[in-house]
């Protein structure tokens, strides 16, 4: 999902390569019978962005955050069985 998010940012003039964008993911696993199953994944995107650019691109940034998952092959593949959430930290 990070690649899809970064690509959508770049397409809108928001730098995401070269260390501007990082992410951490936390999965929550539950036991079903004798099998461990991933139930939830939470992604934290960390974007380093100039404050002036953030002001200029705030609407675009909010929109990317709301809709990028719909274009992500990984999200589309797992979202029926795993609850995936994301948040954005601006640095």
PDB file of N, CA and C in Angstrom:
ATOM      1  N   UNK A   1       0.818  -1.194   0.000  1.00  0.00           N
ATOM      2  CA  UNK A   1       0.000   0.000   0.000  1.00  0.00           C
ATOM      3  C   UNK A   1       0.862   1.258   0.000  1.00  0.00           C
ATOM      4  N   UNK A   2       2.047   1.159   0.564  1.00  0.00           N
ATOM      5  CA  UNK A   2       2.915   2.330   0.614  1.00  0.00           C
ATOM      6  C   UNK A   2       3.304   2.785  -0.786  1.00  0.00           C
ATOM      7  N   UNK A   3       3.568   1.848  -1.678  1.00  0.00           N
ATOM      8  CA  UNK A   3       3.914   2.206  -3.053  1.00  0.00           C
ATOM      9  C   UNK A   3       2.776   2.903  -3.761  1.00  0.00           C
ATOM     10  N   UNK A   4       1.570   2.419  -3.572  1.00  0.00           N
ATOM     11  CA  UNK A   4       0.396   3.049  -4.181  1.00  0.00           C
ATOM     12  C   UNK A   4       0.184   4.444  -3.606  1.00  0.00           C
ATOM     13  N   UNK A   5       0.322   4.575  -2.293  1.00  0.00           N
ATOM     14  CA  UNK A   5       0.173   5.871  -1.639  1.00  0.00           C
ATOM     15  C   UNK A   5       1.235   6.843  -2.146  1.00  0.00           C
ATOM     16  N   UNK A   6       2.487   6.392  -2.183  1.00  0.00           N
ATOM     17  CA  UNK A   6       3.575   7.244  -2.656  1.00  0.00           C
ATOM     18  C   UNK A   6       3.397   7.654  -4.106  1.00  0.00           C
ATOM     19  N   UNK A   7       2.972   6.736  -4.960  1.00  0.00           N
ATOM     20  CA  UNK A   7       2.741   7.061  -6.359  1.00  0.00           C
ATOM     21  C   UNK A   7       1.649   8.100  -6.533  1.00  0.00           C
ATOM     22  N   UNK A   8       0.594   7.978  -5.730  1.00  0.00           N
ATOM     23  CA  UNK A   8      -0.501   8.953  -5.793  1.00  0.00           C
ATOM     24  C   UNK A   8      -0.032  10.327  -5.308  1.00  0.00           C
ATOM     25  N   UNK A   9       0.816  10.359  -4.300  1.00  0.00           N
ATOM     26  CA  UNK A   9       1.371  11.635  -3.834  1.00  0.00           C
ATOM     27  C   UNK A   9       2.230  12.272  -4.916  1.00  0.00           C
ATOM     28  N   UNK A  10       3.131  11.474  -5.487  1.00  0.00           N
ATOM     29  CA  UNK A  10       4.031  11.981  -6.530  1.00  0.00           C
ATOM     30  C   UNK A  10       3.240  12.534  -7.712  1.00  0.00           C
ATOM     31  N   UNK A  11       2.157  11.857  -8.094  1.00  0.00           N
ATOM     32  CA  UNK A  11       1.329  12.300  -9.215  1.00  0.00           C
ATOM     33  C   UNK A  11       0.708  13.666  -8.947  1.00  0.00           C
ATOM     34  N   UNK A  12       0.613  14.040  -7.681  1.00  0.00           N
ATOM     35  CA  UNK A  12       0.020  15.324  -7.305  1.00  0.00           C
ATOM     36  C   UNK A  12       1.080  16.348  -6.890  1.00  0.00           C
ATOM     37  N   UNK A  13       2.332  16.046  -7.199  1.00  0.00           N
ATOM     38  CA  UNK A  13       3.410  16.989  -6.922  1.00  0.00           C
ATOM     39  C   UNK A  13       3.899  16.998  -5.491  1.00  0.00           C
ATOM     40  N   UNK A  14       3.648  15.926  -4.762  1.00  0.00           N
ATOM     41  CA  UNK A  14       4.091  15.821  -3.378  1.00  0.00           C
ATOM     42  C   UNK A  14       5.214  14.786  -3.337  1.00  0.00           C
ATOM     43  N   UNK A  15       6.437  15.182  -3.016  1.00  0.00           N
ATOM     44  CA  UNK A  15       7.556  14.236  -3.008  1.00  0.00           C
ATOM     45  C   UNK A  15       7.334  13.086  -2.020  1.00  0.00           C
ATOM     46  N   UNK A  16       7.571  11.863  -2.508  1.00  0.00           N
ATOM     47  CA  UNK A  16       7.408  10.691  -1.648  1.00  0.00           C
ATOM     48  C   UNK A  16       8.622   9.763  -1.717  1.00  0.00           C
ATOM     49  N   UNK A  17       9.510   9.973  -2.671  1.00  0.00           N
ATOM     50  CA  UNK A  17      10.697   9.137  -2.799  1.00  0.00           C
ATOM     51  C   UNK A  17      11.830   9.666  -1.951  1.00  0.00           C
ATOM     52  N   UNK A  18      12.975   9.001  -2.048  1.00  0.00           N
ATOM     53  CA  UNK A  18      14.215   9.452  -1.408  1.00  0.00           C
ATOM     54  C   UNK A  18      14.058   9.766   0.080  1.00  0.00           C
ATOM     55  N   UNK A  19      13.301   8.941   0.787  1.00  0.00           N
ATOM     56  CA  UNK A  19      13.183   9.094   2.234  1.00  0.00           C
ATOM     57  C   UNK A  19      12.076  10.018   2.709  1.00  0.00           C
ATOM     58  N   UNK A  20      11.312  10.609   1.800  1.00  0.00           N
ATOM     59  CA  UNK A  20      10.211  11.472   2.224  1.00  0.00           C
ATOM     60  C   UNK A  20       9.063  10.680   2.849  1.00  0.00           C
ATOM     61  N   UNK A  21       8.845   9.466   2.333  1.00  0.00           N
ATOM     62  CA  UNK A  21       7.734   8.643   2.812  1.00  0.00           C
ATOM     63  C   UNK A  21       8.268   7.336   3.375  1.00  0.00           C
ATOM     64  N   UNK A  22       7.839   7.036   4.584  1.00  0.00           N
ATOM     65  CA  UNK A  22       8.133   5.759   5.224  1.00  0.00           C
ATOM     66  C   UNK A  22       6.823   5.222   5.782  1.00  0.00           C
ATOM     67  N   UNK A  23       6.815   3.943   6.103  1.00  0.00           N
ATOM     68  CA  UNK A  23       5.607   3.393   6.722  1.00  0.00           C
ATOM     69  C   UNK A  23       5.975   2.277   7.688  1.00  0.00           C
ATOM     70  N   UNK A  24       5.114   2.101   8.655  1.00  0.00           N
ATOM     71  CA  UNK A  24       5.188   0.993   9.599  1.00  0.00           C
ATOM     72  C   UNK A  24       3.837   0.287   9.556  1.00  0.00           C
ATOM     73  N   UNK A  25       3.861  -1.024   9.684  1.00  0.00           N
ATOM     74  CA  UNK A  25       2.619  -1.789   9.704  1.00  0.00           C
ATOM     75  C   UNK A  25       2.586  -2.655  10.952  1.00  0.00           C
ATOM     76  N   UNK A  26       1.411  -2.733  11.537  1.00  0.00           N
ATOM     77  CA  UNK A  26       1.201  -3.545  12.725  1.00  0.00           C
ATOM     78  C   UNK A  26       0.052  -4.498  12.439  1.00  0.00           C
ATOM     79  N   UNK A  27       0.328  -5.784  12.519  1.00  0.00           N
ATOM     80  CA  UNK A  27      -0.712  -6.779  12.301  1.00  0.00           C
ATOM     81  C   UNK A  27      -1.194  -7.360  13.613  1.00  0.00           C
ATOM     82  N   UNK A  28      -2.478  -7.655  13.656  1.00  0.00           N
ATOM     83  CA  UNK A  28      -3.067  -8.306  14.828  1.00  0.00           C
ATOM     84  C   UNK A  28      -3.547  -9.687  14.414  1.00  0.00           C
ATOM     85  N   UNK A  29      -3.105 -10.669  15.163  1.00  0.00           N
ATOM     86  CA  UNK A  29      -3.379 -12.055  14.844  1.00  0.00           C
ATOM     87  C   UNK A  29      -4.274 -12.651  15.922  1.00  0.00           C
ATOM     88  N   UNK A  30      -5.233 -13.472  15.481  1.00  0.00           N
ATOM     89  CA  UNK A  30      -6.094 -14.199  16.409  1.00  0.00           C
ATOM     90  C   UNK A  30      -6.047 -15.677  16.052  1.00  0.00           C
ATOM     91  N   UNK A  31      -6.324 -16.471  17.029  1.00  0.00           N
ATOM     92  CA  UNK A  31      -6.321 -17.912  16.813  1.00  0.00           C
ATOM     93  C   UNK A  31      -7.738 -18.367  16.476  1.00  0.00           C
ATOM     94  N   UNK A  32      -7.858 -19.076  15.354  1.00  0.00           N
ATOM     95  CA  UNK A  32      -9.129 -19.695  14.966  1.00  0.00           C
ATOM     96  C   UNK A  32      -8.899 -21.198  14.971  1.00  0.00           C
ATOM     97  N   UNK A  33      -9.461 -21.854  15.962  1.00  0.00           N
ATOM     98  CA  UNK A  33      -9.137 -23.270  16.136  1.00  0.00           C
ATOM     99  C   UNK A  33      -7.669 -23.360  16.497  1.00  0.00           C
ATOM    100  N   UNK A  34      -6.905 -24.074  15.714  1.00  0.00           N
ATOM    101  CA  UNK A  34      -5.468 -24.190  15.948  1.00  0.00           C
ATOM    102  C   UNK A  34      -4.654 -23.405  14.925  1.00  0.00           C
ATOM    103  N   UNK A  35      -5.290 -22.454  14.260  1.00  0.00           N
ATOM    104  CA  UNK A  35      -4.623 -21.712  13.191  1.00  0.00           C
ATOM    105  C   UNK A  35      -4.559 -20.227  13.561  1.00  0.00           C
ATOM    106  N   UNK A  36      -3.382 -19.629  13.399  1.00  0.00           N
ATOM    107  CA  UNK A  36      -3.227 -18.193  13.594  1.00  0.00           C
ATOM    108  C   UNK A  36      -3.661 -17.478  12.312  1.00  0.00           C
ATOM    109  N   UNK A  37      -4.535 -16.483  12.466  1.00  0.00           N
ATOM    110  CA  UNK A  37      -5.096 -15.778  11.319  1.00  0.00           C
ATOM    111  C   UNK A  37      -4.904 -14.270  11.510  1.00  0.00           C
ATOM    112  N   UNK A  38      -4.399 -13.610  10.482  1.00  0.00           N
ATOM    113  CA  UNK A  38      -4.273 -12.148  10.529  1.00  0.00           C
ATOM    114  C   UNK A  38      -5.671 -11.558  10.415  1.00  0.00           C
ATOM    115  N   UNK A  39      -6.062 -10.756  11.378  1.00  0.00           N
ATOM    116  CA  UNK A  39      -7.397 -10.156  11.404  1.00  0.00           C
ATOM    117  C   UNK A  39      -7.386  -8.665  11.082  1.00  0.00           C
ATOM    118  N   UNK A  40      -6.326  -7.980  11.526  1.00  0.00           N
ATOM    119  CA  UNK A  40      -6.260  -6.533  11.332  1.00  0.00           C
ATOM    120  C   UNK A  40      -4.833  -6.119  11.003  1.00  0.00           C
ATOM    121  N   UNK A  41      -4.723  -5.121  10.144  1.00  0.00           N
ATOM    122  CA  UNK A  41      -3.431  -4.497   9.835  1.00  0.00           C
ATOM    123  C   UNK A  41      -3.625  -2.993   9.915  1.00  0.00           C
ATOM    124  N   UNK A  42      -2.751  -2.336  10.647  1.00  0.00           N
ATOM    125  CA  UNK A  42      -2.790  -0.873  10.727  1.00  0.00           C
ATOM    126  C   UNK A  42      -1.470  -0.328  10.182  1.00  0.00           C
ATOM    127  N   UNK A  43      -1.574   0.558   9.218  1.00  0.00           N
ATOM    128  CA  UNK A  43      -0.407   1.150   8.587  1.00  0.00           C
ATOM    129  C   UNK A  43      -0.281   2.599   9.045  1.00  0.00           C
ATOM    130  N   UNK A  44       0.917   2.976   9.428  1.00  0.00           N
ATOM    131  CA  UNK A  44       1.205   4.371   9.757  1.00  0.00           C
ATOM    132  C   UNK A  44       2.179   4.891   8.710  1.00  0.00           C
ATOM    133  N   UNK A  45       1.697   5.808   7.886  1.00  0.00           N
ATOM    134  CA  UNK A  45       2.552   6.478   6.912  1.00  0.00           C
ATOM    135  C   UNK A  45       3.202   7.659   7.609  1.00  0.00           C
ATOM    136  N   UNK A  46       4.472   7.873   7.339  1.00  0.00           N
ATOM    137  CA  UNK A  46       5.205   9.017   7.888  1.00  0.00           C
ATOM    138  C   UNK A  46       5.751   9.803   6.704  1.00  0.00           C
ATOM    139  N   UNK A  47       5.219  11.002   6.503  1.00  0.00           N
ATOM    140  CA  UNK A  47       5.586  11.826   5.355  1.00  0.00           C
ATOM    141  C   UNK A  47       6.301  13.081   5.825  1.00  0.00           C
ATOM    142  N   UNK A  48       7.517  13.269   5.344  1.00  0.00           N
ATOM    143  CA  UNK A  48       8.250  14.500   5.596  1.00  0.00           C
ATOM    144  C   UNK A  48       7.877  15.465   4.481  1.00  0.00           C
ATOM    145  N   UNK A  49       7.305  16.599   4.859  1.00  0.00           N
ATOM    146  CA  UNK A  49       6.812  17.554   3.871  1.00  0.00           C
ATOM    147  C   UNK A  49       7.058  18.976   4.356  1.00  0.00           C
ATOM    148  N   UNK A  50       7.465  19.815   3.449  1.00  0.00           N
ATOM    149  CA  UNK A  50       7.662  21.234   3.753  1.00  0.00           C
ATOM    150  C   UNK A  50       6.318  21.840   4.159  1.00  0.00           C
ATOM    151  N   UNK A  51       6.277  22.634   5.235  1.00  0.00           N
ATOM    152  CA  UNK A  51       5.002  23.216   5.686  1.00  0.00           C
ATOM    153  C   UNK A  51       4.286  24.040   4.617  1.00  0.00           C
ATOM    154  N   UNK A  52       5.032  24.769   3.801  1.00  0.00           N
ATOM    155  CA  UNK A  52       4.390  25.564   2.745  1.00  0.00           C
ATOM    156  C   UNK A  52       3.750  24.662   1.695  1.00  0.00           C
ATOM    157  N   UNK A  53       4.435  23.587   1.322  1.00  0.00           N
ATOM    158  CA  UNK A  53       3.871  22.643   0.354  1.00  0.00           C
ATOM    159  C   UNK A  53       2.659  21.947   0.948  1.00  0.00           C
ATOM    160  N   UNK A  54       2.707  21.646   2.233  1.00  0.00           N
ATOM    161  CA  UNK A  54       1.568  21.010   2.884  1.00  0.00           C
ATOM    162  C   UNK A  54       0.335  21.896   2.810  1.00  0.00           C
ATOM    163  N   UNK A  55       0.511  23.175   3.056  1.00  0.00           N
ATOM    164  CA  UNK A  55      -0.625  24.098   2.966  1.00  0.00           C
ATOM    165  C   UNK A  55      -1.190  24.132   1.552  1.00  0.00           C
ATOM    166  N   UNK A  56      -0.293  24.185   0.579  1.00  0.00           N
ATOM    167  CA  UNK A  56      -0.715  24.246  -0.831  1.00  0.00           C
ATOM    168  C   UNK A  56      -1.412  22.956  -1.268  1.00  0.00           C
ATOM    169  N   UNK A  57      -0.941  21.824  -0.781  1.00  0.00           N
ATOM    170  CA  UNK A  57      -1.421  20.523  -1.251  1.00  0.00           C
ATOM    171  C   UNK A  57      -2.312  19.801  -0.245  1.00  0.00           C
ATOM    172  N   UNK A  58      -2.789  20.490   0.765  1.00  0.00           N
ATOM    173  CA  UNK A  58      -3.548  19.847   1.836  1.00  0.00           C
ATOM    174  C   UNK A  58      -4.756  19.074   1.314  1.00  0.00           C
ATOM    175  N   UNK A  59      -5.536  19.671   0.419  1.00  0.00           N
ATOM    176  CA  UNK A  59      -6.714  18.987  -0.113  1.00  0.00           C
ATOM    177  C   UNK A  59      -6.322  17.733  -0.887  1.00  0.00           C
ATOM    178  N   UNK A  60      -5.272  17.834  -1.693  1.00  0.00           N
ATOM    179  CA  UNK A  60      -4.798  16.675  -2.456  1.00  0.00           C
ATOM    180  C   UNK A  60      -4.312  15.584  -1.514  1.00  0.00           C
ATOM    181  N   UNK A  61      -3.596  15.955  -0.486  1.00  0.00           N
ATOM    182  CA  UNK A  61      -3.087  15.003   0.491  1.00  0.00           C
ATOM    183  C   UNK A  61      -4.232  14.276   1.196  1.00  0.00           C
ATOM    184  N   UNK A  62      -5.240  15.021   1.601  1.00  0.00           N
ATOM    185  CA  UNK A  62      -6.405  14.414   2.253  1.00  0.00           C
ATOM    186  C   UNK A  62      -7.119  13.445   1.312  1.00  0.00           C
ATOM    187  N   UNK A  63      -7.259  13.838   0.056  1.00  0.00           N
ATOM    188  CA  UNK A  63      -7.937  12.977  -0.921  1.00  0.00           C
ATOM    189  C   UNK A  63      -7.141  11.694  -1.157  1.00  0.00           C
ATOM    190  N   UNK A  64      -5.838  11.813  -1.324  1.00  0.00           N
ATOM    191  CA  UNK A  64      -5.011  10.612  -1.526  1.00  0.00           C
ATOM    192  C   UNK A  64      -5.178   9.668  -0.344  1.00  0.00           C
ATOM    193  N   UNK A  65      -5.177  10.212   0.846  1.00  0.00           N
ATOM    194  CA  UNK A  65      -5.313   9.377   2.039  1.00  0.00           C
ATOM    195  C   UNK A  65      -6.664   8.649   2.035  1.00  0.00           C
ATOM    196  N   UNK A  66      -7.705   9.316   1.573  1.00  0.00           N
ATOM    197  CA  UNK A  66      -9.048   8.720   1.569  1.00  0.00           C
ATOM    198  C   UNK A  66      -9.222   7.649   0.500  1.00  0.00           C
ATOM    199  N   UNK A  67      -8.573   7.792  -0.658  1.00  0.00           N
ATOM    200  CA  UNK A  67      -8.927   6.930  -1.793  1.00  0.00           C
ATOM    201  C   UNK A  67      -7.813   6.016  -2.306  1.00  0.00           C
ATOM    202  N   UNK A  68      -6.581   6.163  -1.847  1.00  0.00           N
ATOM    203  CA  UNK A  68      -5.489   5.390  -2.447  1.00  0.00           C
ATOM    204  C   UNK A  68      -5.677   3.883  -2.332  1.00  0.00           C
ATOM    205  N   UNK A  69      -6.283   3.431  -1.263  1.00  0.00           N
ATOM    206  CA  UNK A  69      -6.433   1.989  -1.066  1.00  0.00           C
ATOM    207  C   UNK A  69      -7.254   1.330  -2.169  1.00  0.00           C
ATOM    208  N   UNK A  70      -8.173   2.083  -2.779  1.00  0.00           N
ATOM    209  CA  UNK A  70      -8.999   1.508  -3.845  1.00  0.00           C
ATOM    210  C   UNK A  70      -8.188   1.150  -5.083  1.00  0.00           C
ATOM    211  N   UNK A  71      -7.006   1.726  -5.241  1.00  0.00           N
ATOM    212  CA  UNK A  71      -6.140   1.446  -6.384  1.00  0.00           C
ATOM    213  C   UNK A  71      -5.001   0.495  -6.036  1.00  0.00           C
ATOM    214  N   UNK A  72      -4.989  -0.002  -4.829  1.00  0.00           N
ATOM    215  CA  UNK A  72      -3.884  -0.844  -4.372  1.00  0.00           C
ATOM    216  C   UNK A  72      -4.230  -2.327  -4.541  1.00  0.00           C
ATOM    217  N   UNK A  73      -3.426  -3.062  -5.329  1.00  0.00           N
ATOM    218  CA  UNK A  73      -3.693  -4.489  -5.516  1.00  0.00           C
ATOM    219  C   UNK A  73      -3.664  -5.297  -4.216  1.00  0.00           C
ATOM    220  N   UNK A  74      -2.755  -4.951  -3.312  1.00  0.00           N
ATOM    221  CA  UNK A  74      -2.673  -5.687  -2.048  1.00  0.00           C
ATOM    222  C   UNK A  74      -3.943  -5.468  -1.229  1.00  0.00           C
ATOM    223  N   UNK A  75      -4.344  -4.220  -1.075  1.00  0.00           N
ATOM    224  CA  UNK A  75      -5.559  -3.925  -0.310  1.00  0.00           C
ATOM    225  C   UNK A  75      -6.760  -4.635  -0.918  1.00  0.00           C
ATOM    226  N   UNK A  76      -6.893  -4.544  -2.225  1.00  0.00           N
ATOM    227  CA  UNK A  76      -8.044  -5.149  -2.895  1.00  0.00           C
ATOM    228  C   UNK A  76      -8.034  -6.674  -2.744  1.00  0.00           C
ATOM    229  N   UNK A  77      -6.853  -7.254  -2.621  1.00  0.00           N
ATOM    230  CA  UNK A  77      -6.743  -8.707  -2.482  1.00  0.00           C
ATOM    231  C   UNK A  77      -7.094  -9.195  -1.083  1.00  0.00           C
ATOM    232  N   UNK A  78      -6.801  -8.401  -0.062  1.00  0.00           N
ATOM    233  CA  UNK A  78      -6.971  -8.897   1.314  1.00  0.00           C
ATOM    234  C   UNK A  78      -8.108  -8.249   2.092  1.00  0.00           C
ATOM    235  N   UNK A  79      -8.681  -7.161   1.586  1.00  0.00           N
ATOM    236  CA  UNK A  79      -9.612  -6.372   2.399  1.00  0.00           C
ATOM    237  C   UNK A  79     -10.907  -7.094   2.749  1.00  0.00           C
ATOM    238  N   UNK A  80     -11.272  -8.130   2.005  1.00  0.00           N
ATOM    239  CA  UNK A  80     -12.482  -8.866   2.368  1.00  0.00           C
ATOM    240  C   UNK A  80     -12.281  -9.734   3.614  1.00  0.00           C
ATOM    241  N   UNK A  81     -11.032 -10.071   3.907  1.00  0.00           N
ATOM    242  CA  UNK A  81     -10.787 -10.957   5.041  1.00  0.00           C
ATOM    243  C   UNK A  81      -9.981 -10.309   6.169  1.00  0.00           C
ATOM    244  N   UNK A  82      -9.327  -9.175   5.886  1.00  0.00           N
ATOM    245  CA  UNK A  82      -8.507  -8.503   6.888  1.00  0.00           C
ATOM    246  C   UNK A  82      -8.911  -7.031   6.938  1.00  0.00           C
ATOM    247  N   UNK A  83      -9.168  -6.536   8.135  1.00  0.00           N
ATOM    248  CA  UNK A  83      -9.500  -5.124   8.313  1.00  0.00           C
ATOM    249  C   UNK A  83      -8.208  -4.319   8.219  1.00  0.00           C
ATOM    250  N   UNK A  84      -8.125  -3.442   7.214  1.00  0.00           N
ATOM    251  CA  UNK A  84      -6.924  -2.653   6.996  1.00  0.00           C
ATOM    252  C   UNK A  84      -7.246  -1.181   7.247  1.00  0.00           C
ATOM    253  N   UNK A  85      -6.476  -0.560   8.141  1.00  0.00           N
ATOM    254  CA  UNK A  85      -6.629   0.862   8.425  1.00  0.00           C
ATOM    255  C   UNK A  85      -5.298   1.557   8.228  1.00  0.00           C
ATOM    256  N   UNK A  86      -5.360   2.877   8.058  1.00  0.00           N
ATOM    257  CA  UNK A  86      -4.132   3.645   7.861  1.00  0.00           C
ATOM    258  C   UNK A  86      -4.271   5.022   8.489  1.00  0.00           C
ATOM    259  N   UNK A  87      -3.144   5.560   8.876  1.00  0.00           N
ATOM    260  CA  UNK A  87      -3.088   6.921   9.388  1.00  0.00           C
ATOM    261  C   UNK A  87      -1.849   7.589   8.816  1.00  0.00           C
ATOM    262  N   UNK A  88      -1.850   8.914   8.841  1.00  0.00           N
ATOM    263  CA  UNK A  88      -0.741   9.682   8.287  1.00  0.00           C
ATOM    264  C   UNK A  88      -0.156  10.582   9.359  1.00  0.00           C
ATOM    265  N   UNK A  89       1.153  10.485   9.535  1.00  0.00           N
ATOM    266  CA  UNK A  89       1.898  11.399  10.406  1.00  0.00           C
ATOM    267  C   UNK A  89       2.696  12.323   9.510  1.00  0.00           C
ATOM    268  N   UNK A  90       2.532  13.617   9.704  1.00  0.00           N
ATOM    269  CA  UNK A  90       3.290  14.594   8.929  1.00  0.00           C
ATOM    270  C   UNK A  90       4.488  15.063   9.754  1.00  0.00           C
ATOM    271  N   UNK A  91       5.642  15.046   9.121  1.00  0.00           N
ATOM    272  CA  UNK A  91       6.875  15.422   9.809  1.00  0.00           C
ATOM    273  C   UNK A  91       7.415  16.689   9.183  1.00  0.00           C
TER     274      UNK A  91
END
